[in-house]
Amino acid sequence: VIDTVGHGPERLFVRSMNGTRITFIGSSGRILETVNANEATYTIRGDEGYVRAEVSNSLDQTAWTQAVMIPHTGRKDN
């Protein structure tokens, strides 16, 4: 279950009560970052196209957020 999703111009935040892994996914299914925790913050680089989060747990249950469209800034901070 996804409890909280928040986003601003520089970050996407996701929290889950029962999640154990959060994967941030960009355009073309590109995995941007994976965090083994029940909450995570992804820092937007500006070249993703969109970012969505996939939250999974130890029971192999999975939930996804809607995609957050990212305006292209040309910035590629790592």
PDB file of N, CA and C in Angstrom:
ATOM      1  N   VAL A   1       0.845  -1.182   0.000  1.00  0.00           N
ATOM      2  CA  VAL A   1       0.000   0.000   0.000  1.00  0.00           C
ATOM      3  C   VAL A   1       0.890   1.245   0.000  1.00  0.00           C
ATOM      4  N   ILE A   2       0.597   2.166  -0.895  1.00  0.00           N
ATOM      5  CA  ILE A   2       1.316   3.438  -0.929  1.00  0.00           C
ATOM      6  C   ILE A   2       0.543   4.428  -0.077  1.00  0.00           C
ATOM      7  N   ASP A   3       1.203   4.977   0.943  1.00  0.00           N
ATOM      8  CA  ASP A   3       0.556   5.913   1.863  1.00  0.00           C
ATOM      9  C   ASP A   3       0.671   7.354   1.402  1.00  0.00           C
ATOM     10  N   THR A   4       1.862   7.736   0.975  1.00  0.00           N
ATOM     11  CA  THR A   4       2.125   9.139   0.672  1.00  0.00           C
ATOM     12  C   THR A   4       2.935   9.251  -0.610  1.00  0.00           C
ATOM     13  N   VAL A   5       2.509  10.162  -1.471  1.00  0.00           N
ATOM     14  CA  VAL A   5       3.286  10.533  -2.651  1.00  0.00           C
ATOM     15  C   VAL A   5       3.329  12.045  -2.673  1.00  0.00           C
ATOM     16  N   GLY A   6       4.515  12.591  -2.779  1.00  0.00           N
ATOM     17  CA  GLY A   6       4.656  14.035  -2.868  1.00  0.00           C
ATOM     18  C   GLY A   6       5.721  14.378  -3.886  1.00  0.00           C
ATOM     19  N   HIS A   7       5.527  15.486  -4.580  1.00  0.00           N
ATOM     20  CA  HIS A   7       6.561  15.884  -5.531  1.00  0.00           C
ATOM     21  C   HIS A   7       6.591  17.391  -5.664  1.00  0.00           C
ATOM     22  N   GLY A   8       7.760  17.859  -5.996  1.00  0.00           N
ATOM     23  CA  GLY A   8       8.001  19.266  -6.258  1.00  0.00           C
ATOM     24  C   GLY A   8       8.902  19.355  -7.468  1.00  0.00           C
ATOM     25  N   PRO A   9       9.447  20.514  -7.741  1.00  0.00           N
ATOM     26  CA  PRO A   9      10.269  20.672  -8.935  1.00  0.00           C
ATOM     27  C   PRO A   9      11.587  19.886  -8.898  1.00  0.00           C
ATOM     28  N   GLU A  10      12.026  19.480  -7.712  1.00  0.00           N
ATOM     29  CA  GLU A  10      13.330  18.806  -7.617  1.00  0.00           C
ATOM     30  C   GLU A  10      13.287  17.403  -7.035  1.00  0.00           C
ATOM     31  N   ARG A  11      12.137  16.976  -6.477  1.00  0.00           N
ATOM     32  CA  ARG A  11      12.104  15.686  -5.787  1.00  0.00           C
ATOM     33  C   ARG A  11      10.752  14.989  -5.929  1.00  0.00           C
ATOM     34  N   LEU A  12      10.795  13.653  -5.830  1.00  0.00           N
ATOM     35  CA  LEU A  12       9.600  12.823  -5.746  1.00  0.00           C
ATOM     36  C   LEU A  12       9.761  11.962  -4.501  1.00  0.00           C
ATOM     37  N   PHE A  13       8.760  12.002  -3.612  1.00  0.00           N
ATOM     38  CA  PHE A  13       8.820  11.283  -2.341  1.00  0.00           C
ATOM     39  C   PHE A  13       7.706  10.248  -2.306  1.00  0.00           C
ATOM     40  N   VAL A  14       8.025   9.037  -1.826  1.00  0.00           N
ATOM     41  CA  VAL A  14       7.047   7.957  -1.706  1.00  0.00           C
ATOM     42  C   VAL A  14       7.235   7.278  -0.358  1.00  0.00           C
ATOM     43  N   ARG A  15       6.103   6.978   0.304  1.00  0.00           N
ATOM     44  CA  ARG A  15       6.142   6.244   1.585  1.00  0.00           C
ATOM     45  C   ARG A  15       5.079   5.148   1.549  1.00  0.00           C
ATOM     46  N   SER A  16       5.416   3.999   2.130  1.00  0.00           N
ATOM     47  CA  SER A  16       4.511   2.859   2.196  1.00  0.00           C
ATOM     48  C   SER A  16       4.592   2.220   3.576  1.00  0.00           C
ATOM     49  N   MET A  17       3.439   1.825   4.114  1.00  0.00           N
ATOM     50  CA  MET A  17       3.439   1.147   5.421  1.00  0.00           C
ATOM     51  C   MET A  17       4.082  -0.234   5.341  1.00  0.00           C
ATOM     52  N   ASN A  18       3.807  -0.959   4.253  1.00  0.00           N
ATOM     53  CA  ASN A  18       4.281  -2.340   4.173  1.00  0.00           C
ATOM     54  C   ASN A  18       5.264  -2.588   3.031  1.00  0.00           C
ATOM     55  N   GLY A  19       5.727  -1.537   2.384  1.00  0.00           N
ATOM     56  CA  GLY A  19       6.692  -1.702   1.301  1.00  0.00           C
ATOM     57  C   GLY A  19       8.084  -1.989   1.841  1.00  0.00           C
ATOM     58  N   THR A  20       8.845  -2.741   1.079  1.00  0.00           N
ATOM     59  CA  THR A  20      10.231  -3.031   1.461  1.00  0.00           C
ATOM     60  C   THR A  20      11.225  -2.594   0.386  1.00  0.00           C
ATOM     61  N   ARG A  21      10.715  -2.295  -0.806  1.00  0.00           N
ATOM     62  CA  ARG A  21      11.573  -1.835  -1.905  1.00  0.00           C
ATOM     63  C   ARG A  21      10.804  -0.817  -2.742  1.00  0.00           C
ATOM     64  N   ILE A  22      11.472   0.287  -3.055  1.00  0.00           N
ATOM     65  CA  ILE A  22      10.889   1.312  -3.913  1.00  0.00           C
ATOM     66  C   ILE A  22      11.830   1.515  -5.089  1.00  0.00           C
ATOM     67  N   THR A  23      11.274   1.385  -6.287  1.00  0.00           N
ATOM     68  CA  THR A  23      12.046   1.584  -7.506  1.00  0.00           C
ATOM     69  C   THR A  23      11.456   2.764  -8.261  1.00  0.00           C
ATOM     70  N   PHE A  24      12.293   3.713  -8.614  1.00  0.00           N
ATOM     71  CA  PHE A  24      11.866   4.855  -9.421  1.00  0.00           C
ATOM     72  C   PHE A  24      12.178   4.523 -10.875  1.00  0.00           C
ATOM     73  N   ILE A  25      11.178   4.703 -11.737  1.00  0.00           N
ATOM     74  CA  ILE A  25      11.273   4.303 -13.135  1.00  0.00           C
ATOM     75  C   ILE A  25      11.014   5.510 -14.022  1.00  0.00           C
ATOM     76  N   GLY A  26      11.834   5.663 -15.056  1.00  0.00           N
ATOM     77  CA  GLY A  26      11.678   6.764 -16.002  1.00  0.00           C
ATOM     78  C   GLY A  26      11.163   6.281 -17.342  1.00  0.00           C
ATOM     79  N   SER A  27      11.218   7.149 -18.339  1.00  0.00           N
ATOM     80  CA  SER A  27      10.703   6.819 -19.664  1.00  0.00           C
ATOM     81  C   SER A  27      11.421   5.602 -20.234  1.00  0.00           C
ATOM     82  N   SER A  28      10.695   4.867 -21.053  1.00  0.00           N
ATOM     83  CA  SER A  28      11.169   3.612 -21.659  1.00  0.00           C
ATOM     84  C   SER A  28      11.453   2.544 -20.615  1.00  0.00           C
ATOM     85  N   GLY A  29      10.894   2.682 -19.409  1.00  0.00           N
ATOM     86  CA  GLY A  29      11.079   1.686 -18.362  1.00  0.00           C
ATOM     87  C   GLY A  29      12.447   1.698 -17.715  1.00  0.00           C
ATOM     88  N   ARG A  30      13.198   2.752 -17.939  1.00  0.00           N
ATOM     89  CA  ARG A  30      14.563   2.842 -17.394  1.00  0.00           C
ATOM     90  C   ARG A  30      14.518   2.932 -15.871  1.00  0.00           C
ATOM     91  N   ILE A  31      15.220   2.045 -15.185  1.00  0.00           N
ATOM     92  CA  ILE A  31      15.302   2.091 -13.726  1.00  0.00           C
ATOM     93  C   ILE A  31      16.267   3.202 -13.345  1.00  0.00           C
ATOM     94  N   LEU A  32      15.740   4.159 -12.585  1.00  0.00           N
ATOM     95  CA  LEU A  32      16.522   5.329 -12.190  1.00  0.00           C
ATOM     96  C   LEU A  32      17.208   5.133 -10.847  1.00  0.00           C
ATOM     97  N   GLU A  33      16.498   4.474  -9.922  1.00  0.00           N
ATOM     98  CA  GLU A  33      17.048   4.266  -8.576  1.00  0.00           C
ATOM     99  C   GLU A  33      16.188   3.234  -7.858  1.00  0.00           C
ATOM    100  N   THR A  34      16.822   2.398  -7.039  1.00  0.00           N
ATOM    101  CA  THR A  34      16.111   1.433  -6.207  1.00  0.00           C
ATOM    102  C   THR A  34      16.578   1.604  -4.776  1.00  0.00           C
ATOM    103  N   VAL A  35      15.608   1.632  -3.854  1.00  0.00           N
ATOM    104  CA  VAL A  35      15.903   1.804  -2.434  1.00  0.00           C
ATOM    105  C   VAL A  35      15.220   0.671  -1.678  1.00  0.00           C
ATOM    106  N   ASN A  36      15.950  -0.040  -0.836  1.00  0.00           N
ATOM    107  CA  ASN A  36      15.376  -1.098  -0.008  1.00  0.00           C
ATOM    108  C   ASN A  36      14.924  -0.500   1.314  1.00  0.00           C
ATOM    109  N   ALA A  37      13.734   0.092   1.289  1.00  0.00           N
ATOM    110  CA  ALA A  37      13.168   0.758   2.466  1.00  0.00           C
ATOM    111  C   ALA A  37      11.687   0.993   2.205  1.00  0.00           C
ATOM    112  N   ASN A  38      10.977   1.477   3.225  1.00  0.00           N
ATOM    113  CA  ASN A  38       9.551   1.751   3.053  1.00  0.00           C
ATOM    114  C   ASN A  38       9.274   3.196   2.645  1.00  0.00           C
ATOM    115  N   GLU A  39      10.328   4.021   2.544  1.00  0.00           N
ATOM    116  CA  GLU A  39      10.157   5.369   2.018  1.00  0.00           C
ATOM    117  C   GLU A  39      11.424   5.777   1.285  1.00  0.00           C
ATOM    118  N   ALA A  40      11.239   6.640   0.290  1.00  0.00           N
ATOM    119  CA  ALA A  40      12.390   7.055  -0.511  1.00  0.00           C
ATOM    120  C   ALA A  40      12.097   8.385  -1.179  1.00  0.00           C
ATOM    121  N   THR A  41      13.166   9.118  -1.449  1.00  0.00           N
ATOM    122  CA  THR A  41      13.085  10.377  -2.180  1.00  0.00           C
ATOM    123  C   THR A  41      14.003  10.285  -3.387  1.00  0.00           C
ATOM    124  N   TYR A  42      13.452  10.583  -4.552  1.00  0.00           N
ATOM    125  CA  TYR A  42      14.235  10.604  -5.784  1.00  0.00           C
ATOM    126  C   TYR A  42      14.497  12.053  -6.157  1.00  0.00           C
ATOM    127  N   THR A  43      15.739  12.384  -6.440  1.00  0.00           N
ATOM    128  CA  THR A  43      16.105  13.730  -6.877  1.00  0.00           C
ATOM    129  C   THR A  43      16.004  13.800  -8.395  1.00  0.00           C
ATOM    130  N   ILE A  44      15.164  14.689  -8.876  1.00  0.00           N
ATOM    131  CA  ILE A  44      14.911  14.837 -10.305  1.00  0.00           C
ATOM    132  C   ILE A  44      16.118  15.483 -10.983  1.00  0.00           C
ATOM    133  N   ARG A  45      16.551  14.881 -12.096  1.00  0.00           N
ATOM    134  CA  ARG A  45      17.698  15.397 -12.851  1.00  0.00           C
ATOM    135  C   ARG A  45      17.265  16.320 -13.982  1.00  0.00           C
ATOM    136  N   GLY A  46      16.088  16.065 -14.541  1.00  0.00           N
ATOM    137  CA  GLY A  46      15.583  16.911 -15.612  1.00  0.00           C
ATOM    138  C   GLY A  46      15.591  16.267 -16.980  1.00  0.00           C
ATOM    139  N   ASP A  47      16.136  15.044 -17.083  1.00  0.00           N
ATOM    140  CA  ASP A  47      16.172  14.369 -18.385  1.00  0.00           C
ATOM    141  C   ASP A  47      15.358  13.075 -18.387  1.00  0.00           C
ATOM    142  N   GLU A  48      14.510  12.876 -17.378  1.00  0.00           N
ATOM    143  CA  GLU A  48      13.798  11.614 -17.204  1.00  0.00           C
ATOM    144  C   GLU A  48      12.577  11.454 -18.116  1.00  0.00           C
ATOM    145  N   GLY A  49      11.951  12.547 -18.527  1.00  0.00           N
ATOM    146  CA  GLY A  49      10.689  12.472 -19.266  1.00  0.00           C
ATOM    147  C   GLY A  49       9.527  12.353 -18.301  1.00  0.00           C
ATOM    148  N   TYR A  50       9.539  11.293 -17.521  1.00  0.00           N
ATOM    149  CA  TYR A  50       8.597  11.124 -16.414  1.00  0.00           C
ATOM    150  C   TYR A  50       9.261  10.253 -15.367  1.00  0.00           C
ATOM    151  N   VAL A  51       8.689  10.251 -14.166  1.00  0.00           N
ATOM    152  CA  VAL A  51       9.143   9.354 -13.101  1.00  0.00           C
ATOM    153  C   VAL A  51       7.910   8.756 -12.451  1.00  0.00           C
ATOM    154  N   ARG A  52       7.926   7.462 -12.254  1.00  0.00           N
ATOM    155  CA  ARG A  52       6.902   6.781 -11.463  1.00  0.00           C
ATOM    156  C   ARG A  52       7.617   5.903 -10.450  1.00  0.00           C
ATOM    157  N   ALA A  53       6.912   5.548  -9.392  1.00  0.00           N
ATOM    158  CA  ALA A  53       7.504   4.680  -8.375  1.00  0.00           C
ATOM    159  C   ALA A  53       6.774   3.345  -8.356  1.00  0.00           C
ATOM    160  N   GLU A  54       7.543   2.292  -8.191  1.00  0.00           N
ATOM    161  CA  GLU A  54       7.013   0.948  -8.003  1.00  0.00           C
ATOM    162  C   GLU A  54       7.380   0.534  -6.583  1.00  0.00           C
ATOM    163  N   VAL A  55       6.381   0.164  -5.792  1.00  0.00           N
ATOM    164  CA  VAL A  55       6.603  -0.232  -4.400  1.00  0.00           C
ATOM    165  C   VAL A  55       6.252  -1.709  -4.270  1.00  0.00           C
ATOM    166  N   SER A  56       7.174  -2.499  -3.745  1.00  0.00           N
ATOM    167  CA  SER A  56       6.915  -3.923  -3.548  1.00  0.00           C
ATOM    168  C   SER A  56       7.214  -4.296  -2.101  1.00  0.00           C
ATOM    169  N   ASN A  57       6.684  -5.468  -1.707  1.00  0.00           N
ATOM    170  CA  ASN A  57       6.904  -5.920  -0.331  1.00  0.00           C
ATOM    171  C   ASN A  57       7.339  -7.382  -0.314  1.00  0.00           C
ATOM    172  N   SER A  58       7.519  -7.923   0.871  1.00  0.00           N
ATOM    173  CA  SER A  58       8.033  -9.284   1.030  1.00  0.00           C
ATOM    174  C   SER A  58       7.028 -10.352   0.598  1.00  0.00           C
ATOM    175  N   LEU A  59       5.764  -9.974   0.375  1.00  0.00           N
ATOM    176  CA  LEU A  59       4.745 -10.916  -0.090  1.00  0.00           C
ATOM    177  C   LEU A  59       4.619 -10.894  -1.618  1.00  0.00           C
ATOM    178  N   ASP A  60       5.560 -10.250  -2.291  1.00  0.00           N
ATOM    179  CA  ASP A  60       5.558 -10.086  -3.751  1.00  0.00           C
ATOM    180  C   ASP A  60       4.349  -9.304  -4.255  1.00  0.00           C
ATOM    181  N   GLN A  61       3.810  -8.434  -3.416  1.00  0.00           N
ATOM    182  CA  GLN A  61       2.754  -7.516  -3.833  1.00  0.00           C
ATOM    183  C   GLN A  61       3.417  -6.248  -4.358  1.00  0.00           C
ATOM    184  N   THR A  62       2.815  -5.648  -5.372  1.00  0.00           N
ATOM    185  CA  THR A  62       3.394  -4.468  -6.004  1.00  0.00           C
ATOM    186  C   THR A  62       2.323  -3.423  -6.248  1.00  0.00           C
ATOM    187  N   ALA A  63       2.690  -2.165  -6.042  1.00  0.00           N
ATOM    188  CA  ALA A  63       1.810  -1.030  -6.345  1.00  0.00           C
ATOM    189  C   ALA A  63       2.640   0.010  -7.083  1.00  0.00           C
ATOM    190  N   TRP A  64       1.974   0.805  -7.926  1.00  0.00           N
ATOM    191  CA  TRP A  64       2.656   1.823  -8.716  1.00  0.00           C
ATOM    192  C   TRP A  64       1.991   3.175  -8.519  1.00  0.00           C
ATOM    193  N   THR A  65       2.770   4.214  -8.624  1.00  0.00           N
ATOM    194  CA  THR A  65       2.205   5.561  -8.652  1.00  0.00           C
ATOM    195  C   THR A  65       1.901   5.921 -10.105  1.00  0.00           C
ATOM    196  N   GLN A  66       1.098   6.943 -10.285  1.00  0.00           N
ATOM    197  CA  GLN A  66       0.939   7.527 -11.610  1.00  0.00           C
ATOM    198  C   GLN A  66       2.265   8.185 -11.989  1.00  0.00           C
ATOM    199  N   ALA A  67       2.498   8.306 -13.254  1.00  0.00           N
ATOM    200  CA  ALA A  67       3.717   8.970 -13.719  1.00  0.00           C
ATOM    201  C   ALA A  67       3.641  10.464 -13.430  1.00  0.00           C
ATOM    202  N   VAL A  68       4.747  11.016 -12.992  1.00  0.00           N
ATOM    203  CA  VAL A  68       4.887  12.464 -12.813  1.00  0.00           C
ATOM    204  C   VAL A  68       5.712  12.955 -13.996  1.00  0.00           C
ATOM    205  N   MET A  69       5.112  13.806 -14.818  1.00  0.00           N
ATOM    206  CA  MET A  69       5.805  14.317 -16.001  1.00  0.00           C
ATOM    207  C   MET A  69       6.887  15.308 -15.571  1.00  0.00           C
ATOM    208  N   ILE A  70       8.070  15.161 -16.148  1.00  0.00           N
ATOM    209  CA  ILE A  70       9.213  16.005 -15.807  1.00  0.00           C
ATOM    210  C   ILE A  70       9.549  16.874 -17.015  1.00  0.00           C
ATOM    211  N   PRO A  71       9.443  18.198 -16.878  1.00  0.00           N
ATOM    212  CA  PRO A  71       9.857  19.052 -17.996  1.00  0.00           C
ATOM    213  C   PRO A  71      11.358  18.912 -18.234  1.00  0.00           C
ATOM    214  N   HIS A  72      11.743  18.822 -19.481  1.00  0.00           N
ATOM    215  CA  HIS A  72      13.162  18.651 -19.817  1.00  0.00           C
ATOM    216  C   HIS A  72      13.919  19.945 -19.526  1.00  0.00           C
ATOM    217  N   THR A  73      14.941  19.832 -18.684  1.00  0.00           N
ATOM    218  CA  THR A  73      15.749  21.004 -18.351  1.00  0.00           C
ATOM    219  C   THR A  73      17.133  20.931 -18.972  1.00  0.00           C
ATOM    220  N   GLY A  74      17.489  19.742 -19.451  1.00  0.00           N
ATOM    221  CA  GLY A  74      18.831  19.566 -19.985  1.00  0.00           C
ATOM    222  C   GLY A  74      19.867  19.325 -18.910  1.00  0.00           C
ATOM    223  N   ARG A  75      19.456  19.451 -17.641  1.00  0.00           N
ATOM    224  CA  ARG A  75      20.367  19.244 -16.517  1.00  0.00           C
ATOM    225  C   ARG A  75      20.578  17.753 -16.315  1.00  0.00           C
ATOM    226  N   LYS A  76      21.796  17.328 -16.066  1.00  0.00           N
ATOM    227  CA  LYS A  76      22.101  15.922 -15.826  1.00  0.00           C
ATOM    228  C   LYS A  76      22.984  15.800 -14.605  1.00  0.00           C
ATOM    229  N   ASP A  77      22.486  16.233 -13.462  1.00  0.00           N
ATOM    230  CA  ASP A  77      23.240  16.116 -12.213  1.00  0.00           C
ATOM    231  C   ASP A  77      23.229  14.672 -11.776  1.00  0.00           C
ATOM    232  N   ASN A  78      24.351  14.164 -11.325  1.00  0.00           N
ATOM    233  CA  ASN A  78      24.409  12.786 -10.824  1.00  0.00           C
ATOM    234  C   ASN A  78      24.764  12.781  -9.388  1.00  0.00           C
TER     235      ASN A  78
END
